[in-house]
N, C-alpha and C. Protein backbone atom coordinates (compact mmCIF):
# COMPACT_ATOMS: atom_id res chain seq x y z
N UNK A 1 0.83 -1.20 0.00
CA UNK A 1 0.00 0.00 0.00
C UNK A 1 0.87 1.26 0.00
N UNK A 2 1.90 1.26 0.88
CA UNK A 2 2.80 2.42 0.95
C UNK A 2 3.54 2.61 -0.37
N UNK A 3 3.91 1.50 -0.96
CA UNK A 3 4.63 1.55 -2.23
C UNK A 3 3.75 2.18 -3.32
N UNK A 4 2.49 1.79 -3.35
CA UNK A 4 1.55 2.33 -4.33
C UNK A 4 1.35 3.83 -4.13
N UNK A 5 1.18 4.24 -2.88
CA UNK A 5 1.02 5.67 -2.58
C UNK A 5 2.26 6.46 -2.96
N UNK A 6 3.43 5.89 -2.69
CA UNK A 6 4.68 6.55 -3.05
C UNK A 6 4.78 6.74 -4.56
N UNK A 7 4.44 5.70 -5.30
CA UNK A 7 4.49 5.77 -6.76
C UNK A 7 3.51 6.81 -7.29
N UNK A 8 2.29 6.81 -6.75
CA UNK A 8 1.29 7.79 -7.17
C UNK A 8 1.74 9.21 -6.85
N UNK A 9 2.34 9.40 -5.69
CA UNK A 9 2.85 10.73 -5.31
C UNK A 9 3.93 11.19 -6.27
N UNK A 10 4.84 10.29 -6.61
CA UNK A 10 5.90 10.63 -7.56
C UNK A 10 5.34 10.99 -8.93
N UNK A 11 4.35 10.23 -9.38
CA UNK A 11 3.73 10.51 -10.67
C UNK A 11 3.08 11.89 -10.65
N UNK A 12 2.35 12.19 -9.56
CA UNK A 12 1.69 13.50 -9.44
C UNK A 12 2.73 14.62 -9.44
N UNK A 13 3.80 14.45 -8.66
CA UNK A 13 4.84 15.47 -8.58
C UNK A 13 5.50 15.66 -9.94
N UNK A 14 5.80 14.57 -10.64
CA UNK A 14 6.41 14.64 -11.96
C UNK A 14 5.50 15.37 -12.94
N UNK A 15 4.20 15.07 -12.89
CA UNK A 15 3.23 15.71 -13.78
C UNK A 15 3.20 17.21 -13.54
N UNK A 16 3.20 17.62 -12.27
CA UNK A 16 3.17 19.04 -11.93
C UNK A 16 4.43 19.73 -12.44
N UNK A 17 5.59 19.12 -12.24
CA UNK A 17 6.85 19.70 -12.68
C UNK A 17 6.89 19.79 -14.20
N UNK A 18 6.44 18.75 -14.90
CA UNK A 18 6.43 18.75 -16.36
C UNK A 18 5.53 19.86 -16.90
N UNK A 19 4.36 20.06 -16.29
CA UNK A 19 3.44 21.11 -16.75
C UNK A 19 4.07 22.48 -16.58
N UNK A 20 4.75 22.72 -15.46
CA UNK A 20 5.40 24.01 -15.24
C UNK A 20 6.52 24.20 -16.26
N UNK A 21 7.27 23.12 -16.55
CA UNK A 21 8.33 23.22 -17.54
C UNK A 21 7.76 23.54 -18.91
N UNK A 22 6.58 23.04 -19.20
CA UNK A 22 5.97 23.30 -20.50
C UNK A 22 5.70 24.79 -20.67
N UNK A 23 5.19 25.43 -19.64
CA UNK A 23 4.95 26.88 -19.72
C UNK A 23 6.29 27.60 -19.85
N UNK A 24 7.28 27.18 -19.06
CA UNK A 24 8.61 27.77 -19.16
C UNK A 24 9.19 27.63 -20.56
N UNK A 25 9.08 26.43 -21.12
CA UNK A 25 9.60 26.18 -22.47
C UNK A 25 8.92 27.08 -23.50
N UNK A 26 7.61 27.24 -23.35
CA UNK A 26 6.85 28.10 -24.26
C UNK A 26 7.40 29.53 -24.22
N UNK A 27 7.58 30.07 -23.02
CA UNK A 27 8.08 31.44 -22.89
C UNK A 27 9.53 31.56 -23.36
N UNK A 28 10.36 30.56 -23.05
CA UNK A 28 11.75 30.59 -23.49
C UNK A 28 11.85 30.53 -25.01
N UNK A 29 10.98 29.74 -25.61
CA UNK A 29 10.99 29.57 -27.07
C UNK A 29 10.81 30.92 -27.77
N UNK A 30 9.88 31.73 -27.28
CA UNK A 30 9.57 32.99 -27.95
C UNK A 30 10.29 34.20 -27.35
N UNK A 31 10.95 34.04 -26.21
CA UNK A 31 11.57 35.20 -25.55
C UNK A 31 12.71 35.81 -26.36
N UNK A 32 13.42 35.01 -27.13
CA UNK A 32 14.54 35.52 -27.92
C UNK A 32 14.17 35.80 -29.37
N UNK A 33 12.91 35.59 -29.72
CA UNK A 33 12.44 35.84 -31.08
C UNK A 33 12.22 37.34 -31.27
N UNK A 34 12.77 37.89 -32.33
CA UNK A 34 12.66 39.33 -32.60
C UNK A 34 11.24 39.78 -32.91
N UNK A 35 10.36 38.85 -33.23
CA UNK A 35 8.97 39.20 -33.54
C UNK A 35 8.14 39.44 -32.28
N UNK A 36 8.73 39.18 -31.11
CA UNK A 36 7.99 39.27 -29.85
C UNK A 36 8.64 40.25 -28.88
N UNK A 37 7.80 40.91 -28.11
CA UNK A 37 8.28 41.68 -26.96
C UNK A 37 8.20 40.73 -25.77
N UNK A 38 9.24 40.72 -24.94
CA UNK A 38 9.28 39.81 -23.80
C UNK A 38 9.64 40.59 -22.54
N UNK A 39 8.87 40.38 -21.49
CA UNK A 39 9.13 41.01 -20.20
C UNK A 39 9.11 39.91 -19.14
N UNK A 40 10.09 39.94 -18.26
CA UNK A 40 10.14 38.98 -17.16
C UNK A 40 10.48 39.73 -15.88
N UNK A 41 9.64 39.56 -14.88
CA UNK A 41 9.87 40.19 -13.58
C UNK A 41 10.09 39.06 -12.58
N UNK A 42 11.25 39.07 -11.94
CA UNK A 42 11.62 37.99 -11.04
C UNK A 42 11.11 38.15 -9.62
N UNK A 43 11.55 37.21 -8.80
CA UNK A 43 11.09 37.11 -7.42
C UNK A 43 11.41 38.37 -6.59
N UNK A 44 12.62 38.89 -6.72
CA UNK A 44 13.03 40.06 -5.93
C UNK A 44 12.16 41.27 -6.19
N UNK A 45 11.94 41.56 -7.45
CA UNK A 45 11.11 42.72 -7.81
C UNK A 45 9.66 42.49 -7.40
N UNK A 46 9.19 41.25 -7.49
CA UNK A 46 7.81 40.95 -7.10
C UNK A 46 7.64 41.12 -5.59
N UNK A 47 8.66 40.74 -4.80
CA UNK A 47 8.59 40.95 -3.35
C UNK A 47 8.55 42.44 -3.04
N UNK A 48 9.35 43.21 -3.75
CA UNK A 48 9.34 44.65 -3.55
C UNK A 48 7.97 45.23 -3.89
N UNK A 49 7.39 44.79 -4.99
CA UNK A 49 6.07 45.28 -5.41
C UNK A 49 4.97 44.87 -4.43
N UNK A 50 5.17 43.74 -3.75
CA UNK A 50 4.14 43.27 -2.81
C UNK A 50 3.96 44.21 -1.62
N UNK A 51 4.93 45.06 -1.38
CA UNK A 51 4.80 46.06 -0.32
C UNK A 51 3.64 46.99 -0.63
N UNK A 52 3.43 47.27 -1.90
CA UNK A 52 2.43 48.23 -2.33
C UNK A 52 1.15 47.61 -2.87
N UNK A 53 1.13 46.29 -3.04
CA UNK A 53 0.02 45.63 -3.73
C UNK A 53 -0.50 44.43 -2.96
N UNK A 54 -1.81 44.24 -3.00
CA UNK A 54 -2.43 43.04 -2.45
C UNK A 54 -2.81 42.15 -3.63
N UNK A 55 -1.98 41.13 -3.89
CA UNK A 55 -2.19 40.27 -5.05
C UNK A 55 -3.50 39.50 -5.00
N UNK A 56 -3.96 39.16 -3.80
CA UNK A 56 -5.20 38.37 -3.71
C UNK A 56 -6.38 39.17 -4.25
N UNK A 57 -6.35 40.49 -4.09
CA UNK A 57 -7.43 41.33 -4.64
C UNK A 57 -7.32 41.39 -6.16
N UNK A 58 -6.11 41.57 -6.66
CA UNK A 58 -5.89 41.67 -8.11
C UNK A 58 -6.20 40.39 -8.85
N UNK A 59 -5.98 39.25 -8.20
CA UNK A 59 -6.19 37.96 -8.87
C UNK A 59 -7.43 37.25 -8.37
N UNK A 60 -8.32 37.97 -7.79
CA UNK A 60 -9.60 37.43 -7.31
C UNK A 60 -9.40 36.25 -6.35
N UNK A 61 -8.42 36.39 -5.46
CA UNK A 61 -8.17 35.37 -4.45
C UNK A 61 -7.33 34.20 -4.90
N UNK A 62 -6.99 34.11 -6.17
CA UNK A 62 -6.22 32.97 -6.66
C UNK A 62 -4.78 33.01 -6.17
N UNK A 63 -4.15 34.16 -6.22
CA UNK A 63 -2.75 34.26 -5.80
C UNK A 63 -2.61 35.17 -4.58
N UNK A 64 -1.97 34.65 -3.54
CA UNK A 64 -1.67 35.48 -2.37
C UNK A 64 -0.31 36.13 -2.54
N UNK A 65 0.61 35.38 -3.10
CA UNK A 65 1.93 35.92 -3.41
C UNK A 65 2.26 35.58 -4.86
N UNK A 66 2.87 36.51 -5.54
CA UNK A 66 3.28 36.29 -6.93
C UNK A 66 4.80 36.23 -6.94
N UNK A 67 5.34 35.12 -7.42
CA UNK A 67 6.79 34.96 -7.44
C UNK A 67 7.40 35.39 -8.76
N UNK A 68 6.62 35.36 -9.83
CA UNK A 68 7.15 35.84 -11.11
C UNK A 68 6.02 36.25 -12.05
N UNK A 69 6.39 37.09 -12.97
CA UNK A 69 5.46 37.60 -13.98
C UNK A 69 6.21 37.61 -15.30
N UNK A 70 5.60 37.00 -16.32
CA UNK A 70 6.22 36.99 -17.65
C UNK A 70 5.17 37.42 -18.67
N UNK A 71 5.62 38.19 -19.65
CA UNK A 71 4.73 38.70 -20.69
C UNK A 71 5.37 38.46 -22.06
N UNK A 72 4.58 37.94 -22.97
CA UNK A 72 4.98 37.80 -24.37
C UNK A 72 3.95 38.52 -25.23
N UNK A 73 4.42 39.35 -26.14
CA UNK A 73 3.49 40.02 -27.04
C UNK A 73 4.04 39.95 -28.46
N UNK A 74 3.22 39.44 -29.34
CA UNK A 74 3.57 39.39 -30.75
C UNK A 74 3.43 40.80 -31.30
N UNK A 75 4.53 41.36 -31.80
CA UNK A 75 4.51 42.73 -32.31
C UNK A 75 3.59 42.84 -33.51
N UNK A 76 2.87 43.95 -33.59
CA UNK A 76 1.89 44.15 -34.67
C UNK A 76 2.56 44.08 -36.04
N UNK A 77 3.71 44.71 -36.18
CA UNK A 77 4.38 44.72 -37.48
C UNK A 77 4.92 43.34 -37.88
N UNK A 78 5.09 42.46 -36.91
CA UNK A 78 5.58 41.10 -37.19
C UNK A 78 4.46 40.08 -37.26
N UNK A 79 3.26 40.50 -36.97
CA UNK A 79 2.13 39.57 -36.83
C UNK A 79 1.59 39.10 -38.17
N UNK A 80 2.38 38.27 -38.85
CA UNK A 80 1.87 37.66 -40.07
C UNK A 80 0.80 36.66 -39.66
N UNK A 81 -0.07 36.35 -40.57
CA UNK A 81 -1.18 35.44 -40.25
C UNK A 81 -0.66 34.07 -39.82
N UNK A 82 0.38 33.59 -40.50
CA UNK A 82 0.92 32.26 -40.16
C UNK A 82 1.54 32.26 -38.76
N UNK A 83 2.34 33.26 -38.46
CA UNK A 83 2.98 33.34 -37.15
C UNK A 83 1.94 33.51 -36.05
N UNK A 84 0.97 34.36 -36.30
CA UNK A 84 -0.10 34.59 -35.33
C UNK A 84 -0.90 33.32 -35.07
N UNK A 85 -1.24 32.60 -36.14
CA UNK A 85 -1.98 31.34 -36.00
C UNK A 85 -1.17 30.29 -35.25
N UNK A 86 0.12 30.19 -35.58
CA UNK A 86 0.99 29.21 -34.91
C UNK A 86 1.09 29.52 -33.42
N UNK A 87 1.30 30.78 -33.10
CA UNK A 87 1.42 31.22 -31.71
C UNK A 87 0.13 30.96 -30.95
N UNK A 88 -1.00 31.29 -31.56
CA UNK A 88 -2.32 31.08 -30.95
C UNK A 88 -2.58 29.60 -30.70
N UNK A 89 -2.26 28.76 -31.67
CA UNK A 89 -2.47 27.31 -31.51
C UNK A 89 -1.61 26.75 -30.38
N UNK A 90 -0.38 27.24 -30.27
CA UNK A 90 0.50 26.77 -29.19
C UNK A 90 -0.04 27.19 -27.83
N UNK A 91 -0.58 28.39 -27.74
CA UNK A 91 -1.16 28.86 -26.47
C UNK A 91 -2.34 27.98 -26.10
N UNK A 92 -3.22 27.74 -27.05
CA UNK A 92 -4.41 26.92 -26.77
C UNK A 92 -4.03 25.50 -26.38
N UNK A 93 -3.01 24.95 -27.02
CA UNK A 93 -2.53 23.61 -26.69
C UNK A 93 -1.95 23.59 -25.27
N UNK A 94 -1.20 24.63 -24.94
CA UNK A 94 -0.61 24.76 -23.61
C UNK A 94 -1.69 24.81 -22.53
N UNK A 95 -2.74 25.57 -22.78
CA UNK A 95 -3.86 25.70 -21.84
C UNK A 95 -4.56 24.35 -21.66
N UNK A 96 -4.80 23.69 -22.78
CA UNK A 96 -5.51 22.40 -22.74
C UNK A 96 -4.70 21.33 -22.01
N UNK A 97 -3.43 21.21 -22.35
CA UNK A 97 -2.58 20.20 -21.73
C UNK A 97 -2.26 20.53 -20.28
N UNK A 98 -2.25 21.81 -19.96
CA UNK A 98 -1.88 22.25 -18.61
C UNK A 98 -2.99 22.12 -17.60
N UNK A 99 -4.16 21.65 -18.03
CA UNK A 99 -5.28 21.44 -17.12
C UNK A 99 -5.71 22.74 -16.43
N UNK A 100 -5.82 23.80 -17.21
CA UNK A 100 -6.25 25.09 -16.69
C UNK A 100 -7.77 25.19 -16.70
N UNK A 101 -8.28 26.00 -15.80
CA UNK A 101 -9.71 26.26 -15.71
C UNK A 101 -9.95 27.68 -16.22
N UNK A 102 -10.99 27.87 -16.99
CA UNK A 102 -11.32 29.20 -17.50
C UNK A 102 -11.96 30.03 -16.39
N UNK A 103 -11.34 31.17 -16.09
CA UNK A 103 -11.89 32.08 -15.08
C UNK A 103 -12.71 33.18 -15.72
N UNK A 104 -12.27 33.61 -16.91
CA UNK A 104 -12.95 34.70 -17.59
C UNK A 104 -12.81 34.53 -19.09
N UNK A 105 -13.87 34.82 -19.80
CA UNK A 105 -13.85 34.79 -21.26
C UNK A 105 -14.61 36.01 -21.73
N UNK A 106 -13.93 36.90 -22.46
CA UNK A 106 -14.56 38.12 -22.94
C UNK A 106 -14.32 38.22 -24.44
N UNK A 107 -15.41 38.36 -25.18
CA UNK A 107 -15.30 38.46 -26.64
C UNK A 107 -16.01 39.72 -27.11
N UNK A 108 -15.30 40.49 -27.90
CA UNK A 108 -15.85 41.66 -28.55
C UNK A 108 -15.68 41.48 -30.05
N UNK A 109 -16.12 42.49 -30.79
CA UNK A 109 -16.02 42.41 -32.25
C UNK A 109 -14.57 42.22 -32.71
N UNK A 110 -13.64 42.99 -32.14
CA UNK A 110 -12.26 42.95 -32.59
C UNK A 110 -11.27 42.40 -31.57
N UNK A 111 -11.76 41.88 -30.46
CA UNK A 111 -10.82 41.38 -29.45
C UNK A 111 -11.40 40.22 -28.65
N UNK A 112 -10.48 39.45 -28.10
CA UNK A 112 -10.85 38.33 -27.23
C UNK A 112 -9.85 38.30 -26.08
N UNK A 113 -10.36 38.10 -24.88
CA UNK A 113 -9.51 37.99 -23.71
C UNK A 113 -9.97 36.81 -22.88
N UNK A 114 -8.99 36.02 -22.44
CA UNK A 114 -9.27 34.84 -21.62
C UNK A 114 -8.35 34.87 -20.41
N UNK A 115 -8.89 34.46 -19.27
CA UNK A 115 -8.07 34.29 -18.08
C UNK A 115 -8.25 32.85 -17.62
N UNK A 116 -7.12 32.17 -17.49
CA UNK A 116 -7.12 30.77 -17.06
C UNK A 116 -6.34 30.65 -15.76
N UNK A 117 -6.77 29.72 -14.92
CA UNK A 117 -6.01 29.49 -13.68
C UNK A 117 -5.88 28.00 -13.41
N UNK A 118 -4.85 27.71 -12.63
CA UNK A 118 -4.58 26.33 -12.23
C UNK A 118 -3.94 26.39 -10.84
N UNK A 119 -4.42 25.53 -9.94
CA UNK A 119 -3.88 25.45 -8.59
C UNK A 119 -3.65 23.98 -8.29
N UNK A 120 -2.46 23.64 -7.80
CA UNK A 120 -2.22 22.25 -7.44
C UNK A 120 -2.43 22.02 -5.95
N UNK A 121 -2.26 20.79 -5.51
CA UNK A 121 -2.52 20.44 -4.11
C UNK A 121 -1.54 21.08 -3.15
N UNK A 122 -0.39 21.51 -3.65
CA UNK A 122 0.62 22.14 -2.80
C UNK A 122 0.47 23.66 -2.76
N UNK A 123 -0.66 24.15 -3.26
CA UNK A 123 -1.02 25.58 -3.26
C UNK A 123 -0.18 26.41 -4.23
N UNK A 124 0.48 25.77 -5.20
CA UNK A 124 1.15 26.51 -6.27
C UNK A 124 0.09 26.90 -7.29
N UNK A 125 0.15 28.13 -7.76
CA UNK A 125 -0.89 28.60 -8.68
C UNK A 125 -0.27 29.28 -9.89
N UNK A 126 -0.94 29.12 -11.02
CA UNK A 126 -0.57 29.79 -12.26
C UNK A 126 -1.81 30.48 -12.80
N UNK A 127 -1.64 31.71 -13.24
CA UNK A 127 -2.72 32.43 -13.90
C UNK A 127 -2.18 32.86 -15.26
N UNK A 128 -2.91 32.55 -16.31
CA UNK A 128 -2.52 32.97 -17.66
C UNK A 128 -3.61 33.87 -18.22
N UNK A 129 -3.18 35.03 -18.69
CA UNK A 129 -4.08 35.98 -19.35
C UNK A 129 -3.69 35.98 -20.82
N UNK A 130 -4.63 35.63 -21.66
CA UNK A 130 -4.39 35.52 -23.10
C UNK A 130 -5.32 36.50 -23.80
N UNK A 131 -4.73 37.39 -24.61
CA UNK A 131 -5.53 38.42 -25.27
C UNK A 131 -5.14 38.51 -26.74
N UNK A 132 -6.16 38.59 -27.58
CA UNK A 132 -5.93 38.71 -29.02
C UNK A 132 -6.83 39.82 -29.54
N UNK A 133 -6.21 40.81 -30.21
CA UNK A 133 -6.99 41.90 -30.79
C UNK A 133 -6.28 42.39 -32.05
N UNK A 134 -6.73 43.50 -32.59
CA UNK A 134 -6.17 43.98 -33.85
C UNK A 134 -4.72 44.47 -33.70
N UNK A 135 -4.27 44.72 -32.48
CA UNK A 135 -2.89 45.16 -32.28
C UNK A 135 -1.93 44.00 -32.08
N UNK A 136 -2.43 42.79 -31.90
CA UNK A 136 -1.56 41.64 -31.73
C UNK A 136 -2.10 40.62 -30.75
N UNK A 137 -1.21 39.71 -30.38
CA UNK A 137 -1.54 38.64 -29.44
C UNK A 137 -0.62 38.77 -28.23
N UNK A 138 -1.19 38.69 -27.02
CA UNK A 138 -0.41 38.81 -25.79
C UNK A 138 -0.71 37.67 -24.84
N UNK A 139 0.32 37.25 -24.11
CA UNK A 139 0.15 36.24 -23.07
C UNK A 139 0.89 36.73 -21.83
N UNK A 140 0.18 36.72 -20.69
CA UNK A 140 0.77 37.09 -19.41
C UNK A 140 0.69 35.88 -18.50
N UNK A 141 1.80 35.55 -17.85
CA UNK A 141 1.84 34.41 -16.94
C UNK A 141 2.23 34.89 -15.55
N UNK A 142 1.32 34.72 -14.60
CA UNK A 142 1.59 35.01 -13.20
C UNK A 142 1.78 33.69 -12.47
N UNK A 143 2.87 33.58 -11.77
CA UNK A 143 3.18 32.34 -11.04
C UNK A 143 3.32 32.69 -9.57
N UNK A 144 2.69 31.89 -8.69
CA UNK A 144 2.79 32.20 -7.28
C UNK A 144 2.17 31.15 -6.39
N UNK A 145 1.81 31.58 -5.20
CA UNK A 145 1.21 30.71 -4.19
C UNK A 145 -0.18 31.22 -3.85
N UNK A 146 -1.03 30.30 -3.47
CA UNK A 146 -2.36 30.65 -3.00
C UNK A 146 -2.53 30.11 -1.59
N UNK A 147 -3.63 30.41 -0.97
CA UNK A 147 -3.89 29.88 0.37
C UNK A 147 -4.23 28.39 0.27
N UNK A 148 -4.04 27.68 1.34
CA UNK A 148 -4.36 26.25 1.36
C UNK A 148 -5.86 26.05 1.14
N UNK A 149 -6.68 26.96 1.68
CA UNK A 149 -8.13 26.86 1.50
C UNK A 149 -8.51 26.99 0.03
N UNK A 150 -7.88 27.93 -0.66
CA UNK A 150 -8.16 28.13 -2.09
C UNK A 150 -7.72 26.89 -2.88
N UNK A 151 -6.58 26.32 -2.51
CA UNK A 151 -6.09 25.12 -3.20
C UNK A 151 -7.07 23.96 -3.01
N UNK A 152 -7.56 23.79 -1.78
CA UNK A 152 -8.52 22.72 -1.51
C UNK A 152 -9.83 22.95 -2.26
N UNK A 153 -10.30 24.20 -2.27
CA UNK A 153 -11.54 24.53 -2.97
C UNK A 153 -11.40 24.25 -4.47
N UNK A 154 -10.27 24.64 -5.03
CA UNK A 154 -10.02 24.42 -6.45
C UNK A 154 -10.00 22.93 -6.77
N UNK A 155 -9.35 22.14 -5.93
CA UNK A 155 -9.28 20.69 -6.15
C UNK A 155 -10.67 20.05 -6.04
N UNK A 156 -11.49 20.54 -5.09
CA UNK A 156 -12.85 20.02 -4.94
C UNK A 156 -13.70 20.34 -6.16
N UNK A 157 -13.60 21.59 -6.65
CA UNK A 157 -14.35 21.99 -7.85
C UNK A 157 -13.92 21.15 -9.05
N UNK A 158 -12.64 20.91 -9.15
CA UNK A 158 -12.10 20.12 -10.25
C UNK A 158 -12.63 18.69 -10.19
N UNK A 159 -12.67 18.12 -8.99
CA UNK A 159 -13.19 16.76 -8.82
C UNK A 159 -14.67 16.70 -9.14
N UNK A 160 -15.43 17.71 -8.73
CA UNK A 160 -16.86 17.77 -9.00
C UNK A 160 -17.12 17.85 -10.50
N UNK A 161 -16.37 18.70 -11.20
CA UNK A 161 -16.53 18.82 -12.65
C UNK A 161 -16.16 17.53 -13.35
N UNK A 162 -15.15 16.84 -12.84
CA UNK A 162 -14.73 15.56 -13.42
C UNK A 162 -15.82 14.51 -13.31
N UNK A 163 -16.54 14.51 -12.20
CA UNK A 163 -17.63 13.54 -12.01
C UNK A 163 -18.82 13.85 -12.91
N UNK A 164 -19.08 15.16 -13.13
CA UNK A 164 -20.21 15.56 -13.98
C UNK A 164 -19.98 15.20 -15.43
N UNK A 165 -18.73 15.23 -15.86
CA UNK A 165 -18.41 14.93 -17.26
C UNK A 165 -18.32 13.46 -17.42
């Protein structure tokens, strides 16, 4: 029994690490591409910013602390239809494989904005904001921690949705 639980724990941990690496790989892939603007704010600057900001209010309770923020934006002048489509498909694939939950979906005539979140059992949280409009395509990734209560609530909702499907 202990052996089975240990194996399941390792599989879960490996899956969580692989999913985080997938987001990292996605951002690294496009961060050096001249067609994209890339911004990365690390842990030190985020701690400094936390003096002035309550992240739980900004992220609707999902993140209590934000450890990093990354932004990718496809430049308008570089946004060929093929590159834009490829980038969009990769984002959608990343969201689908990453087991994200849709928090917000807003569609207008010329723009679309989506907010996705994911929280694991260890209270690690990721929020992805994906926006596409006539000026280009943008992806924002907030990585941080949430409260244990929020993590448990998220896992319960996920289990409930899994049973309904």
